[in-house]
């Protein structure tokens, strides 16, 4: 058995350097959140997306005047 060099013995006595902040967890969380938002948004129907960004029902988008409701079809 050969003895260890003095530099290796001194390096073994020092406090180990830790891994630091787990940035991989931040990146993983952001990736999962982005994927979930994409799946949620792609699952919405076109009509629901339009309704979320459109003017309220009965209000004309171009003139912002209230339109009279249509007569009920029988």
C-alpha atoms as a PDB file:
ATOM      1  CA  UNK A   1       0.000   0.000   0.000  1.00  0.00           C
ATOM      2  CA  UNK A   2       1.392   3.375  -0.977  1.00  0.00           C
ATOM      3  CA  UNK A   3       0.851   6.387   1.258  1.00  0.00           C
ATOM      4  CA  UNK A   4      -1.352   9.212   0.012  1.00  0.00           C
ATOM      5  CA  UNK A   5       0.358  12.428  -1.077  1.00  0.00           C
ATOM      6  CA  UNK A   6       0.312  15.256   1.462  1.00  0.00           C
ATOM      7  CA  UNK A   7      -1.790  17.466  -0.911  1.00  0.00           C
ATOM      8  CA  UNK A   8      -4.499  14.795  -1.109  1.00  0.00           C
ATOM      9  CA  UNK A   9      -4.607  14.479   2.669  1.00  0.00           C
ATOM     10  CA  UNK A  10      -4.921  18.267   3.041  1.00  0.00           C
ATOM     11  CA  UNK A  11      -7.664  18.419   0.381  1.00  0.00           C
ATOM     12  CA  UNK A  12      -9.576  15.660   2.184  1.00  0.00           C
ATOM     13  CA  UNK A  13      -9.605  17.658   5.411  1.00  0.00           C
ATOM     14  CA  UNK A  14     -11.208  20.748   3.832  1.00  0.00           C
ATOM     15  CA  UNK A  15     -14.924  21.422   3.893  1.00  0.00           C
ATOM     16  CA  UNK A  16     -16.546  20.079   0.704  1.00  0.00           C
ATOM     17  CA  UNK A  17     -18.071  22.507  -1.775  1.00  0.00           C
ATOM     18  CA  UNK A  18     -21.824  21.927  -1.963  1.00  0.00           C
ATOM     19  CA  UNK A  19     -23.869  21.711  -5.117  1.00  0.00           C
ATOM     20  CA  UNK A  20     -25.309  25.228  -4.675  1.00  0.00           C
ATOM     21  CA  UNK A  21     -28.827  26.282  -5.541  1.00  0.00           C
ATOM     22  CA  UNK A  22     -30.827  23.630  -7.454  1.00  0.00           C
ATOM     23  CA  UNK A  23     -31.467  25.608 -10.650  1.00  0.00           C
ATOM     24  CA  UNK A  24     -32.571  22.415 -12.347  1.00  0.00           C
ATOM     25  CA  UNK A  25     -35.684  22.453 -10.104  1.00  0.00           C
ATOM     26  CA  UNK A  26     -36.554  25.989 -11.234  1.00  0.00           C
ATOM     27  CA  UNK A  27     -36.116  25.009 -14.885  1.00  0.00           C
ATOM     28  CA  UNK A  28     -38.190  21.853 -14.401  1.00  0.00           C
ATOM     29  CA  UNK A  29     -41.001  23.767 -12.695  1.00  0.00           C
ATOM     30  CA  UNK A  30     -41.071  26.396 -15.445  1.00  0.00           C
ATOM     31  CA  UNK A  31     -41.114  23.712 -18.151  1.00  0.00           C
ATOM     32  CA  UNK A  32     -43.969  21.795 -16.522  1.00  0.00           C
ATOM     33  CA  UNK A  33     -45.960  25.009 -16.011  1.00  0.00           C
ATOM     34  CA  UNK A  34     -45.456  26.021 -19.657  1.00  0.00           C
ATOM     35  CA  UNK A  35     -46.492  22.558 -20.866  1.00  0.00           C
ATOM     36  CA  UNK A  36     -49.591  22.590 -18.652  1.00  0.00           C
ATOM     37  CA  UNK A  37     -50.570  26.049 -19.914  1.00  0.00           C
ATOM     38  CA  UNK A  38     -50.129  24.895 -23.515  1.00  0.00           C
ATOM     39  CA  UNK A  39     -52.294  21.804 -22.983  1.00  0.00           C
ATOM     40  CA  UNK A  40     -54.944  23.842 -21.178  1.00  0.00           C
ATOM     41  CA  UNK A  41     -55.018  26.538 -23.877  1.00  0.00           C
ATOM     42  CA  UNK A  42     -55.094  24.037 -26.758  1.00  0.00           C
ATOM     43  CA  UNK A  43     -57.990  22.192 -25.137  1.00  0.00           C
ATOM     44  CA  UNK A  44     -60.224  25.248 -25.085  1.00  0.00           C
ATOM     45  CA  UNK A  45     -62.748  25.469 -27.870  1.00  0.00           C
ATOM     46  CA  UNK A  46     -62.470  28.258 -30.424  1.00  0.00           C
ATOM     47  CA  UNK A  47     -65.829  29.662 -29.358  1.00  0.00           C
ATOM     48  CA  UNK A  48     -64.731  29.906 -25.701  1.00  0.00           C
ATOM     49  CA  UNK A  49     -61.500  31.661 -26.735  1.00  0.00           C
ATOM     50  CA  UNK A  50     -63.419  34.176 -28.848  1.00  0.00           C
ATOM     51  CA  UNK A  51     -65.893  34.770 -26.058  1.00  0.00           C
ATOM     52  CA  UNK A  52     -63.079  35.508 -23.613  1.00  0.00           C
ATOM     53  CA  UNK A  53     -61.634  38.232 -25.840  1.00  0.00           C
ATOM     54  CA  UNK A  54     -64.827  39.518 -27.492  1.00  0.00           C
ATOM     55  CA  UNK A  55     -67.181  42.251 -26.410  1.00  0.00           C
ATOM     56  CA  UNK A  56     -70.026  41.262 -24.068  1.00  0.00           C
ATOM     57  CA  UNK A  57     -73.070  39.666 -25.663  1.00  0.00           C
ATOM     58  CA  UNK A  58     -75.418  42.183 -27.207  1.00  0.00           C
ATOM     59  CA  UNK A  59     -72.738  44.841 -27.656  1.00  0.00           C
ATOM     60  CA  UNK A  60     -71.453  45.500 -31.152  1.00  0.00           C
ATOM     61  CA  UNK A  61     -67.682  45.222 -31.238  1.00  0.00           C
ATOM     62  CA  UNK A  62     -67.286  47.845 -33.956  1.00  0.00           C
ATOM     63  CA  UNK A  63     -69.615  50.514 -32.592  1.00  0.00           C
ATOM     64  CA  UNK A  64     -69.949  49.433 -28.960  1.00  0.00           C
ATOM     65  CA  UNK A  65     -73.677  50.064 -29.177  1.00  0.00           C
ATOM     66  CA  UNK A  66     -76.200  47.739 -27.605  1.00  0.00           C
ATOM     67  CA  UNK A  67     -78.017  45.633 -30.192  1.00  0.00           C
ATOM     68  CA  UNK A  68     -81.570  44.467 -29.766  1.00  0.00           C
ATOM     69  CA  UNK A  69     -81.788  40.746 -29.063  1.00  0.00           C
ATOM     70  CA  UNK A  70     -83.062  38.530 -31.872  1.00  0.00           C
ATOM     71  CA  UNK A  71     -86.575  37.165 -31.688  1.00  0.00           C
ATOM     72  CA  UNK A  72     -86.739  33.624 -30.378  1.00  0.00           C
ATOM     73  CA  UNK A  73     -87.022  31.073 -33.125  1.00  0.00           C
ATOM     74  CA  UNK A  74     -89.791  28.611 -32.639  1.00  0.00           C
END
